[in-house]
PDB file of N, CA and C in Angstrom:
ATOM      1  N   MET A   1      87.555  96.190  98.488  1.00  0.00           N
ATOM      2  CA  MET A   1      86.377  95.522  98.598  1.00  0.00           C
ATOM      3  C   MET A   1      85.336  96.291  99.120  1.00  0.00           C
ATOM      4  N   THR A   2      84.353  96.232  98.310  1.00  0.00           N
ATOM      5  CA  THR A   2      83.173  96.817  98.473  1.00  0.00           C
ATOM      6  C   THR A   2      82.122  96.023  99.228  1.00  0.00           C
ATOM      7  N   SER A   3      81.242  97.012  99.998  1.00  0.00           N
ATOM      8  CA  SER A   3      80.418  96.318 101.045  1.00  0.00           C
ATOM      9  C   SER A   3      78.998  95.957 100.570  1.00  0.00           C
ATOM     10  N   ASN A   4      78.837  96.678  99.491  1.00  0.00           N
ATOM     11  CA  ASN A   4      77.386  96.515  98.683  1.00  0.00           C
ATOM     12  C   ASN A   4      77.504  95.156  97.785  1.00  0.00           C
ATOM     13  N   PRO A   5      76.679  94.357  98.016  1.00  0.00           N
ATOM     14  CA  PRO A   5      76.750  93.044  97.094  1.00  0.00           C
ATOM     15  C   PRO A   5      76.425  93.536  95.751  1.00  0.00           C
ATOM     16  N   PHE A   6      75.358  94.413  95.482  1.00  0.00           N
ATOM     17  CA  PHE A   6      75.109  94.520  94.231  1.00  0.00           C
ATOM     18  C   PHE A   6      76.187  94.984  93.371  1.00  0.00           C
ATOM     19  N   LEU A   7      76.939  95.833  94.039  1.00  0.00           N
ATOM     20  CA  LEU A   7      78.067  96.611  93.423  1.00  0.00           C
ATOM     21  C   LEU A   7      79.185  95.626  93.154  1.00  0.00           C
ATOM     22  N   TRP A   8      79.466  94.803  94.232  1.00  0.00           N
ATOM     23  CA  TRP A   8      80.074  93.641  93.888  1.00  0.00           C
ATOM     24  C   TRP A   8      80.088  92.804  92.881  1.00  0.00           C
ATOM     25  N   LEU A   9      78.875  92.461  92.650  1.00  0.00           N
ATOM     26  CA  LEU A   9      78.481  91.594  91.664  1.00  0.00           C
ATOM     27  C   LEU A   9      78.470  92.309  90.154  1.00  0.00           C
ATOM     28  N   ILE A  10      78.151  93.277  90.176  1.00  0.00           N
ATOM     29  CA  ILE A  10      78.157  94.282  88.850  1.00  0.00           C
ATOM     30  C   ILE A  10      79.622  94.240  88.499  1.00  0.00           C
ATOM     31  N   LEU A  11      80.557  94.862  89.256  1.00  0.00           N
ATOM     32  CA  LEU A  11      82.028  94.670  88.876  1.00  0.00           C
ATOM     33  C   LEU A  11      82.544  93.364  88.794  1.00  0.00           C
ATOM     34  N   THR A  12      82.224  92.400  89.487  1.00  0.00           N
ATOM     35  CA  THR A  12      82.703  91.107  89.113  1.00  0.00           C
ATOM     36  C   THR A  12      82.238  90.445  87.671  1.00  0.00           C
ATOM     37  N   LEU A  13      81.148  90.799  87.366  1.00  0.00           N
ATOM     38  CA  LEU A  13      81.008  90.361  85.899  1.00  0.00           C
ATOM     39  C   LEU A  13      81.330  91.268  84.980  1.00  0.00           C
ATOM     40  N   ILE A  14      81.732  92.341  85.137  1.00  0.00           N
ATOM     41  CA  ILE A  14      82.548  93.252  84.508  1.00  0.00           C
ATOM     42  C   ILE A  14      83.937  92.712  84.124  1.00  0.00           C
ATOM     43  N   ASP A  15      84.574  92.146  85.347  1.00  0.00           N
ATOM     44  CA  ASP A  15      85.807  91.712  85.321  1.00  0.00           C
ATOM     45  C   ASP A  15      85.778  90.180  84.697  1.00  0.00           C
ATOM     46  N   VAL A  16      84.897  89.387  84.996  1.00  0.00           N
ATOM     47  CA  VAL A  16      85.048  88.253  84.169  1.00  0.00           C
ATOM     48  C   VAL A  16      84.711  88.292  82.705  1.00  0.00           C
ATOM     49  N   TYR A  17      83.919  89.528  82.420  1.00  0.00           N
ATOM     50  CA  TYR A  17      83.839  89.650  80.712  1.00  0.00           C
ATOM     51  C   TYR A  17      85.082  90.240  80.215  1.00  0.00           C
ATOM     52  N   PHE A  18      85.648  90.770  80.639  1.00  0.00           N
ATOM     53  CA  PHE A  18      87.217  91.249  80.626  1.00  0.00           C
ATOM     54  C   PHE A  18      88.056  90.244  80.201  1.00  0.00           C
ATOM     55  N   TRP A  19      88.229  89.148  81.019  1.00  0.00           N
ATOM     56  CA  TRP A  19      88.839  88.135  81.117  1.00  0.00           C
ATOM     57  C   TRP A  19      88.290  87.383  79.598  1.00  0.00           C
ATOM     58  N   ILE A  20      87.232  87.248  79.737  1.00  0.00           N
ATOM     59  CA  ILE A  20      86.757  86.365  78.225  1.00  0.00           C
ATOM     60  C   ILE A  20      87.036  87.263  77.084  1.00  0.00           C
ATOM     61  N   ILE A  21      86.990  88.195  77.310  1.00  0.00           N
ATOM     62  CA  ILE A  21      87.597  89.113  75.931  1.00  0.00           C
ATOM     63  C   ILE A  21      88.949  89.050  75.685  1.00  0.00           C
ATOM     64  N   LEU A  22      89.718  88.921  76.653  1.00  0.00           N
ATOM     65  CA  LEU A  22      91.112  88.888  76.644  1.00  0.00           C
ATOM     66  C   LEU A  22      91.319  87.384  75.850  1.00  0.00           C
ATOM     67  N   ALA A  23      90.823  86.627  76.505  1.00  0.00           N
ATOM     68  CA  ALA A  23      90.877  84.990  76.039  1.00  0.00           C
ATOM     69  C   ALA A  23      90.637  84.796  74.683  1.00  0.00           C
ATOM     70  N   THR A  24      89.602  85.704  74.401  1.00  0.00           N
ATOM     71  CA  THR A  24      89.242  85.356  72.713  1.00  0.00           C
ATOM     72  C   THR A  24      90.300  85.988  72.085  1.00  0.00           C
ATOM     73  N   VAL A  25      90.866  87.131  72.424  1.00  0.00           N
ATOM     74  CA  VAL A  25      91.948  87.869  71.336  1.00  0.00           C
ATOM     75  C   VAL A  25      93.303  86.609  71.602  1.00  0.00           C
ATOM     76  N   ILE A  26      93.680  86.356  72.722  1.00  0.00           N
ATOM     77  CA  ILE A  26      94.644  85.463  72.745  1.00  0.00           C
ATOM     78  C   ILE A  26      94.444  84.192  71.684  1.00  0.00           C
ATOM     79  N   LEU A  27      93.341  83.605  71.615  1.00  0.00           N
ATOM     80  CA  LEU A  27      92.986  82.378  71.230  1.00  0.00           C
ATOM     81  C   LEU A  27      92.946  82.878  69.527  1.00  0.00           C
ATOM     82  N   SER A  28      92.705  84.106  69.278  1.00  0.00           N
ATOM     83  CA  SER A  28      92.750  84.389  67.931  1.00  0.00           C
ATOM     84  C   SER A  28      94.229  84.497  67.172  1.00  0.00           C
ATOM     85  N   TRP A  29      95.171  85.054  68.069  1.00  0.00           N
ATOM     86  CA  TRP A  29      96.481  85.068  68.022  1.00  0.00           C
ATOM     87  C   TRP A  29      96.975  83.600  67.921  1.00  0.00           C
ATOM     88  N   LEU A  30      96.761  82.835  68.636  1.00  0.00           N
ATOM     89  CA  LEU A  30      97.337  81.477  68.436  1.00  0.00           C
ATOM     90  C   LEU A  30      96.672  80.774  67.291  1.00  0.00           C
ATOM     91  N   VAL A  31      95.551  80.930  66.898  1.00  0.00           N
ATOM     92  CA  VAL A  31      95.202  80.556  65.570  1.00  0.00           C
ATOM     93  C   VAL A  31      95.524  81.053  64.513  1.00  0.00           C
ATOM     94  N   ALA A  32      95.765  82.498  64.320  1.00  0.00           N
ATOM     95  CA  ALA A  32      96.691  83.127  63.428  1.00  0.00           C
ATOM     96  C   ALA A  32      98.216  82.874  63.107  1.00  0.00           C
ATOM     97  N   PHE A  33      98.687  82.274  64.194  1.00  0.00           N
ATOM     98  CA  PHE A  33     100.289  82.066  64.318  1.00  0.00           C
ATOM     99  C   PHE A  33     100.484  80.449  64.327  1.00  0.00           C
ATOM    100  N   ASN A  34      99.281  79.860  64.165  1.00  0.00           N
ATOM    101  CA  ASN A  34      99.419  78.569  63.835  1.00  0.00           C
ATOM    102  C   ASN A  34      99.876  77.777  65.165  1.00  0.00           C
ATOM    103  N   VAL A  35      99.703  78.178  66.183  1.00  0.00           N
ATOM    104  CA  VAL A  35     100.056  77.561  67.493  1.00  0.00           C
ATOM    105  C   VAL A  35      99.051  76.449  67.760  1.00  0.00           C
ATOM    106  N   VAL A  36      97.907  76.617  67.490  1.00  0.00           N
ATOM    107  CA  VAL A  36      96.633  75.965  67.718  1.00  0.00           C
ATOM    108  C   VAL A  36      95.869  75.700  66.490  1.00  0.00           C
ATOM    109  N   ASN A  37      95.349  74.703  66.256  1.00  0.00           N
ATOM    110  CA  ASN A  37      94.212  74.391  64.894  1.00  0.00           C
ATOM    111  C   ASN A  37      92.943  74.673  65.375  1.00  0.00           C
ATOM    112  N   ARG A  38      92.258  75.287  64.476  1.00  0.00           N
ATOM    113  CA  ARG A  38      90.851  75.133  64.936  1.00  0.00           C
ATOM    114  C   ARG A  38      90.181  73.807  64.087  1.00  0.00           C
ATOM    115  N   THR A  39      90.846  73.082  63.769  1.00  0.00           N
ATOM    116  CA  THR A  39      89.953  71.574  63.269  1.00  0.00           C
ATOM    117  C   THR A  39      90.118  70.802  64.549  1.00  0.00           C
ATOM    118  N   ASN A  40      90.923  71.066  65.378  1.00  0.00           N
ATOM    119  CA  ASN A  40      90.627  70.337  66.853  1.00  0.00           C
ATOM    120  C   ASN A  40      89.307  70.593  67.253  1.00  0.00           C
ATOM    121  N   PRO A  41      88.602  69.666  67.532  1.00  0.00           N
ATOM    122  CA  PRO A  41      87.516  69.665  68.340  1.00  0.00           C
ATOM    123  C   PRO A  41      87.341  70.601  69.429  1.00  0.00           C
ATOM    124  N   TYR A  42      88.222  70.533  70.683  1.00  0.00           N
ATOM    125  CA  TYR A  42      88.367  71.241  71.722  1.00  0.00           C
ATOM    126  C   TYR A  42      88.678  72.600  71.287  1.00  0.00           C
ATOM    127  N   VAL A  43      89.443  73.009  70.626  1.00  0.00           N
ATOM    128  CA  VAL A  43      89.968  74.399  70.045  1.00  0.00           C
ATOM    129  C   VAL A  43      88.740  74.965  69.507  1.00  0.00           C
ATOM    130  N   ARG A  44      88.046  74.265  68.379  1.00  0.00           N
ATOM    131  CA  ARG A  44      86.670  74.921  67.890  1.00  0.00           C
ATOM    132  C   ARG A  44      85.519  74.989  68.674  1.00  0.00           C
ATOM    133  N   GLN A  45      85.630  74.238  69.821  1.00  0.00           N
ATOM    134  CA  GLN A  45      84.368  74.303  70.844  1.00  0.00           C
ATOM    135  C   GLN A  45      84.629  75.451  72.028  1.00  0.00           C
ATOM    136  N   ILE A  46      85.944  75.518  72.174  1.00  0.00           N
ATOM    137  CA  ILE A  46      86.323  76.921  73.055  1.00  0.00           C
ATOM    138  C   ILE A  46      85.895  78.251  71.940  1.00  0.00           C
ATOM    139  N   GLY A  47      86.777  78.039  70.849  1.00  0.00           N
ATOM    140  CA  GLY A  47      86.506  79.380  69.945  1.00  0.00           C
ATOM    141  C   GLY A  47      85.127  79.811  69.819  1.00  0.00           C
ATOM    142  N   GLN A  48      84.161  78.828  69.714  1.00  0.00           N
ATOM    143  CA  GLN A  48      82.699  78.946  69.321  1.00  0.00           C
ATOM    144  C   GLN A  48      82.197  79.585  70.566  1.00  0.00           C
ATOM    145  N   ALA A  49      82.596  78.893  71.713  1.00  0.00           N
ATOM    146  CA  ALA A  49      81.917  79.516  72.993  1.00  0.00           C
ATOM    147  C   ALA A  49      82.341  81.178  73.261  1.00  0.00           C
ATOM    148  N   LEU A  50      83.693  81.296  72.924  1.00  0.00           N
ATOM    149  CA  LEU A  50      84.144  82.715  73.149  1.00  0.00           C
ATOM    150  C   LEU A  50      83.466  83.602  72.098  1.00  0.00           C
ATOM    151  N   GLN A  51      83.194  83.127  70.858  1.00  0.00           N
ATOM    152  CA  GLN A  51      82.772  84.093  69.779  1.00  0.00           C
ATOM    153  C   GLN A  51      81.200  84.376  70.254  1.00  0.00           C
ATOM    154  N   ARG A  52      80.437  83.562  70.647  1.00  0.00           N
ATOM    155  CA  ARG A  52      78.991  83.369  71.122  1.00  0.00           C
ATOM    156  C   ARG A  52      78.809  84.710  72.277  1.00  0.00           C
ATOM    157  N   LEU A  53      80.065  84.367  73.254  1.00  0.00           N
ATOM    158  CA  LEU A  53      79.869  85.408  74.247  1.00  0.00           C
ATOM    159  C   LEU A  53      80.400  86.831  73.941  1.00  0.00           C
ATOM    160  N   THR A  54      81.570  86.967  73.081  1.00  0.00           N
ATOM    161  CA  THR A  54      81.804  88.388  72.814  1.00  0.00           C
ATOM    162  C   THR A  54      81.055  89.073  71.823  1.00  0.00           C
ATOM    163  N   GLU A  55      80.761  88.477  70.303  1.00  0.00           N
ATOM    164  CA  GLU A  55      80.228  88.809  69.370  1.00  0.00           C
ATOM    165  C   GLU A  55      78.986  89.723  69.744  1.00  0.00           C
ATOM    166  N   PRO A  56      78.153  89.673  70.387  1.00  0.00           N
ATOM    167  CA  PRO A  56      77.256  90.767  70.795  1.00  0.00           C
ATOM    168  C   PRO A  56      77.582  92.117  71.209  1.00  0.00           C
ATOM    169  N   LEU A  57      78.455  92.335  71.662  1.00  0.00           N
ATOM    170  CA  LEU A  57      79.049  93.574  71.869  1.00  0.00           C
ATOM    171  C   LEU A  57      80.360  93.919  70.883  1.00  0.00           C
ATOM    172  N   LEU A  58      81.095  92.949  70.260  1.00  0.00           N
ATOM    173  CA  LEU A  58      82.190  93.268  69.635  1.00  0.00           C
ATOM    174  C   LEU A  58      81.724  93.626  68.146  1.00  0.00           C
ATOM    175  N   GLY A  59      80.484  93.102  67.574  1.00  0.00           N
ATOM    176  CA  GLY A  59      79.763  93.139  66.356  1.00  0.00           C
ATOM    177  C   GLY A  59      79.528  94.699  66.022  1.00  0.00           C
ATOM    178  N   PRO A  60      78.783  94.992  66.933  1.00  0.00           N
ATOM    179  CA  PRO A  60      78.148  96.691  66.544  1.00  0.00           C
ATOM    180  C   PRO A  60      79.894  97.520  66.699  1.00  0.00           C
ATOM    181  N   ILE A  61      80.598  97.308  67.405  1.00  0.00           N
ATOM    182  CA  ILE A  61      81.686  97.988  67.659  1.00  0.00           C
ATOM    183  C   ILE A  61      82.550  98.134  66.356  1.00  0.00           C
ATOM    184  N   ARG A  62      82.688  96.643  65.648  1.00  0.00           N
ATOM    185  CA  ARG A  62      83.306  96.493  64.318  1.00  0.00           C
ATOM    186  C   ARG A  62      82.788  97.400  63.356  1.00  0.00           C
ATOM    187  N   LYS A  63      81.539  97.565  63.475  1.00  0.00           N
ATOM    188  CA  LYS A  63      80.793  98.162  62.380  1.00  0.00           C
ATOM    189  C   LYS A  63      80.946  99.794  62.205  1.00  0.00           C
ATOM    190  N   ARG A  64      81.075 100.247  63.396  1.00  0.00           N
ATOM    191  CA  ARG A  64      81.091 101.673  63.423  1.00  0.00           C
ATOM    192  C   ARG A  64      82.917 101.862  63.460  1.00  0.00           C
ATOM    193  N   LEU A  65      83.775 101.054  63.708  1.00  0.00           N
ATOM    194  CA  LEU A  65      85.103 101.536  63.334  1.00  0.00           C
ATOM    195  C   LEU A  65      85.769 101.579  62.017  1.00  0.00           C
ATOM    196  N   PRO A  66      86.477 102.351  61.443  1.00  0.00           N
ATOM    197  CA  PRO A  66      87.000 102.493  60.084  1.00  0.00           C
ATOM    198  C   PRO A  66      87.766 101.159  59.770  1.00  0.00           C
ATOM    199  N   ASP A  67      87.942 100.777  58.652  1.00  0.00           N
ATOM    200  CA  ASP A  67      88.765  99.643  58.198  1.00  0.00           C
ATOM    201  C   ASP A  67      90.141 100.127  58.474  1.00  0.00           C
ATOM    202  N   LEU A  68      90.921  99.255  59.223  1.00  0.00           N
ATOM    203  CA  LEU A  68      92.276  99.524  59.238  1.00  0.00           C
ATOM    204  C   LEU A  68      93.265  98.458  58.654  1.00  0.00           C
ATOM    205  N   GLY A  69      92.691  97.904  57.686  1.00  0.00           N
ATOM    206  CA  GLY A  69      93.560  96.887  56.856  1.00  0.00           C
ATOM    207  C   GLY A  69      93.654  95.631  57.543  1.00  0.00           C
ATOM    208  N   GLY A  70      93.037  95.099  58.069  1.00  0.00           N
ATOM    209  CA  GLY A  70      93.045  93.756  58.761  1.00  0.00           C
ATOM    210  C   GLY A  70      93.478  93.869  60.172  1.00  0.00           C
ATOM    211  N   ILE A  71      93.493  95.061  60.847  1.00  0.00           N
ATOM    212  CA  ILE A  71      93.789  95.230  62.402  1.00  0.00           C
ATOM    213  C   ILE A  71      92.214  95.451  62.692  1.00  0.00           C
ATOM    214  N   ASP A  72      92.086  94.413  63.926  1.00  0.00           N
ATOM    215  CA  ASP A  72      90.848  94.713  64.682  1.00  0.00           C
ATOM    216  C   ASP A  72      91.096  95.313  65.898  1.00  0.00           C
ATOM    217  N   ILE A  73      90.722  96.474  66.094  1.00  0.00           N
ATOM    218  CA  ILE A  73      91.064  97.282  67.401  1.00  0.00           C
ATOM    219  C   ILE A  73      89.604  97.275  68.342  1.00  0.00           C
ATOM    220  N   SER A  74      88.448  96.463  68.044  1.00  0.00           N
ATOM    221  CA  SER A  74      87.697  96.558  68.444  1.00  0.00           C
ATOM    222  C   SER A  74      87.279  95.747  69.785  1.00  0.00           C
ATOM    223  N   PRO A  75      88.254  94.868  70.077  1.00  0.00           N
ATOM    224  CA  PRO A  75      88.434  94.146  71.611  1.00  0.00           C
ATOM    225  C   PRO A  75      89.198  95.548  72.514  1.00  0.00           C
ATOM    226  N   ILE A  76      89.999  96.337  71.980  1.00  0.00           N
ATOM    227  CA  ILE A  76      90.681  97.304  72.808  1.00  0.00           C
ATOM    228  C   ILE A  76      89.360  98.349  72.967  1.00  0.00           C
ATOM    229  N   VAL A  77      88.605  98.872  72.188  1.00  0.00           N
ATOM    230  CA  VAL A  77      87.711  99.868  72.435  1.00  0.00           C
ATOM    231  C   VAL A  77      86.941  99.177  73.408  1.00  0.00           C
ATOM    232  N   LEU A  78      86.291  97.695  73.348  1.00  0.00           N
ATOM    233  CA  LEU A  78      85.353  97.369  74.457  1.00  0.00           C
ATOM    234  C   LEU A  78      85.997  97.189  75.828  1.00  0.00           C
ATOM    235  N   LEU A  79      87.346  96.732  76.000  1.00  0.00           N
ATOM    236  CA  LEU A  79      87.980  96.605  76.805  1.00  0.00           C
ATOM    237  C   LEU A  79      88.142  98.024  77.837  1.00  0.00           C
ATOM    238  N   ILE A  80      88.458  99.103  76.996  1.00  0.00           N
ATOM    239  CA  ILE A  80      88.434 100.374  77.711  1.00  0.00           C
ATOM    240  C   ILE A  80      87.109 100.921  78.169  1.00  0.00           C
ATOM    241  N   GLY A  81      86.205 100.430  77.212  1.00  0.00           N
ATOM    242  CA  GLY A  81      84.349 100.861  77.600  1.00  0.00           C
ATOM    243  C   GLY A  81      84.271 100.156  78.896  1.00  0.00           C
ATOM    244  N   LEU A  82      84.575  98.930  78.949  1.00  0.00           N
ATOM    245  CA  LEU A  82      84.050  98.028  80.006  1.00  0.00           C
ATOM    246  C   LEU A  82      84.714  98.584  81.397  1.00  0.00           C
ATOM    247  N   GLN A  83      86.184  98.988  81.520  1.00  0.00           N
ATOM    248  CA  GLN A  83      86.788  99.555  82.392  1.00  0.00           C
ATOM    249  C   GLN A  83      86.165 100.813  82.793  1.00  0.00           C
ATOM    250  N   PHE A  84      85.546 101.833  81.771  1.00  0.00           N
ATOM    251  CA  PHE A  84      85.249 103.051  82.117  1.00  0.00           C
ATOM    252  C   PHE A  84      83.571 102.559  82.740  1.00  0.00           C
ATOM    253  N   PHE A  85      83.171 101.697  82.366  1.00  0.00           N
ATOM    254  CA  PHE A  85      81.598 101.395  82.734  1.00  0.00           C
ATOM    255  C   PHE A  85      81.591 100.962  84.414  1.00  0.00           C
ATOM    256  N   GLY A  86      82.794 100.333  84.726  1.00  0.00           N
ATOM    257  CA  GLY A  86      82.952  99.809  86.139  1.00  0.00           C
ATOM    258  C   GLY A  86      83.225 100.988  86.843  1.00  0.00           C
ATOM    259  N   MET A  87      84.167 101.637  86.510  1.00  0.00           N
ATOM    260  CA  MET A  87      84.475 103.168  87.146  1.00  0.00           C
ATOM    261  C   MET A  87      83.204 103.640  87.323  1.00  0.00           C
ATOM    262  N   LEU A  88      82.477 104.028  86.410  1.00  0.00           N
ATOM    263  CA  LEU A  88      81.262 104.916  86.366  1.00  0.00           C
ATOM    264  C   LEU A  88      80.124 104.315  87.216  1.00  0.00           C
ATOM    265  N   VAL A  89      80.146 102.937  87.486  1.00  0.00           N
ATOM    266  CA  VAL A  89      79.065 102.128  88.386  1.00  0.00           C
ATOM    267  C   VAL A  89      79.515 102.284  89.788  1.00  0.00           C
ATOM    268  N   ALA A  90      80.758 102.324  89.948  1.00  0.00           N
ATOM    269  CA  ALA A  90      81.269 102.442  91.295  1.00  0.00           C
ATOM    270  C   ALA A  90      81.090 103.978  91.998  1.00  0.00           C
ATOM    271  N   TRP A  91      81.607 104.787  91.009  1.00  0.00           N
ATOM    272  CA  TRP A  91      81.344 106.276  91.324  1.00  0.00           C
ATOM    273  C   TRP A  91      79.914 106.569  91.599  1.00  0.00           C
ATOM    274  N   VAL A  92      78.714 106.229  90.674  1.00  0.00           N
ATOM    275  CA  VAL A  92      77.316 106.401  91.122  1.00  0.00           C
ATOM    276  C   VAL A  92      76.901 105.833  92.345  1.00  0.00           C
ATOM    277  N   PHE A  93      77.538 104.434  92.634  1.00  0.00           N
ATOM    278  CA  PHE A  93      77.112 103.876  94.059  1.00  0.00           C
ATOM    279  C   PHE A  93      77.819 104.645  94.844  1.00  0.00           C
ATOM    280  N   ARG A  94      78.953 105.240  94.791  1.00  0.00           N
ATOM    281  CA  ARG A  94      79.601 106.024  96.022  1.00  0.00           C
ATOM    282  C   ARG A  94      78.685 107.228  96.240  1.00  0.00           C
ATOM    283  N   LYS A  95      78.445 108.085  94.839  1.00  0.00           N
ATOM    284  CA  LYS A  95      77.786 109.339  95.135  1.00  0.00           C
ATOM    285  C   LYS A  95      76.265 109.166  95.672  1.00  0.00           C
ATOM    286  N   LEU A  96      75.611 107.841  95.461  1.00  0.00           N
ATOM    287  CA  LEU A  96      74.363 107.560  95.892  1.00  0.00           C
ATOM    288  C   LEU A  96      74.441 107.155  97.510  1.00  0.00           C
ATOM    289  N   GLY A  97      75.654 106.912  97.772  1.00  0.00           N
ATOM    290  CA  GLY A  97      76.037 106.480  99.265  1.00  0.00           C
ATOM    291  C   GLY A  97      75.450 105.178  99.566  1.00  0.00           C
ATOM    292  N   LEU A  98      75.488 104.325  98.444  1.00  0.00           N
ATOM    293  CA  LEU A  98      75.244 102.913  98.323  1.00  0.00           C
ATOM    294  C   LEU A  98      76.545 101.774  98.454  1.00  0.00           C
ATOM    295  N   ALA A  99      77.766 102.555  98.499  1.00  0.00           N
ATOM    296  CA  ALA A  99      78.925 101.611  98.486  1.00  0.00           C
ATOM    297  C   ALA A  99      79.690 101.679  99.751  1.00  0.00           C
TER     298      ALA A  99
END
């Protein structure tokens, strides 16, 4: 547990966004395997909300990645990037003596 509230807030926001990306991936799998139906208004609303939250960061990553024949690895790249960014922020706070 960190004693700096700013560090805690930054790491918590990164963690929440991590889980939002995982929810987006799981929902896309559920739709792809016909477990849930996008015509359901609740599923559609959740899907749109998740897409609006994740597309600003996933879109630019998708543009830069090569075409892998229908396999989208942009969430994996973003999840690794978020983990790296969280560790980097914690390291900087420690180095500055703020943690």
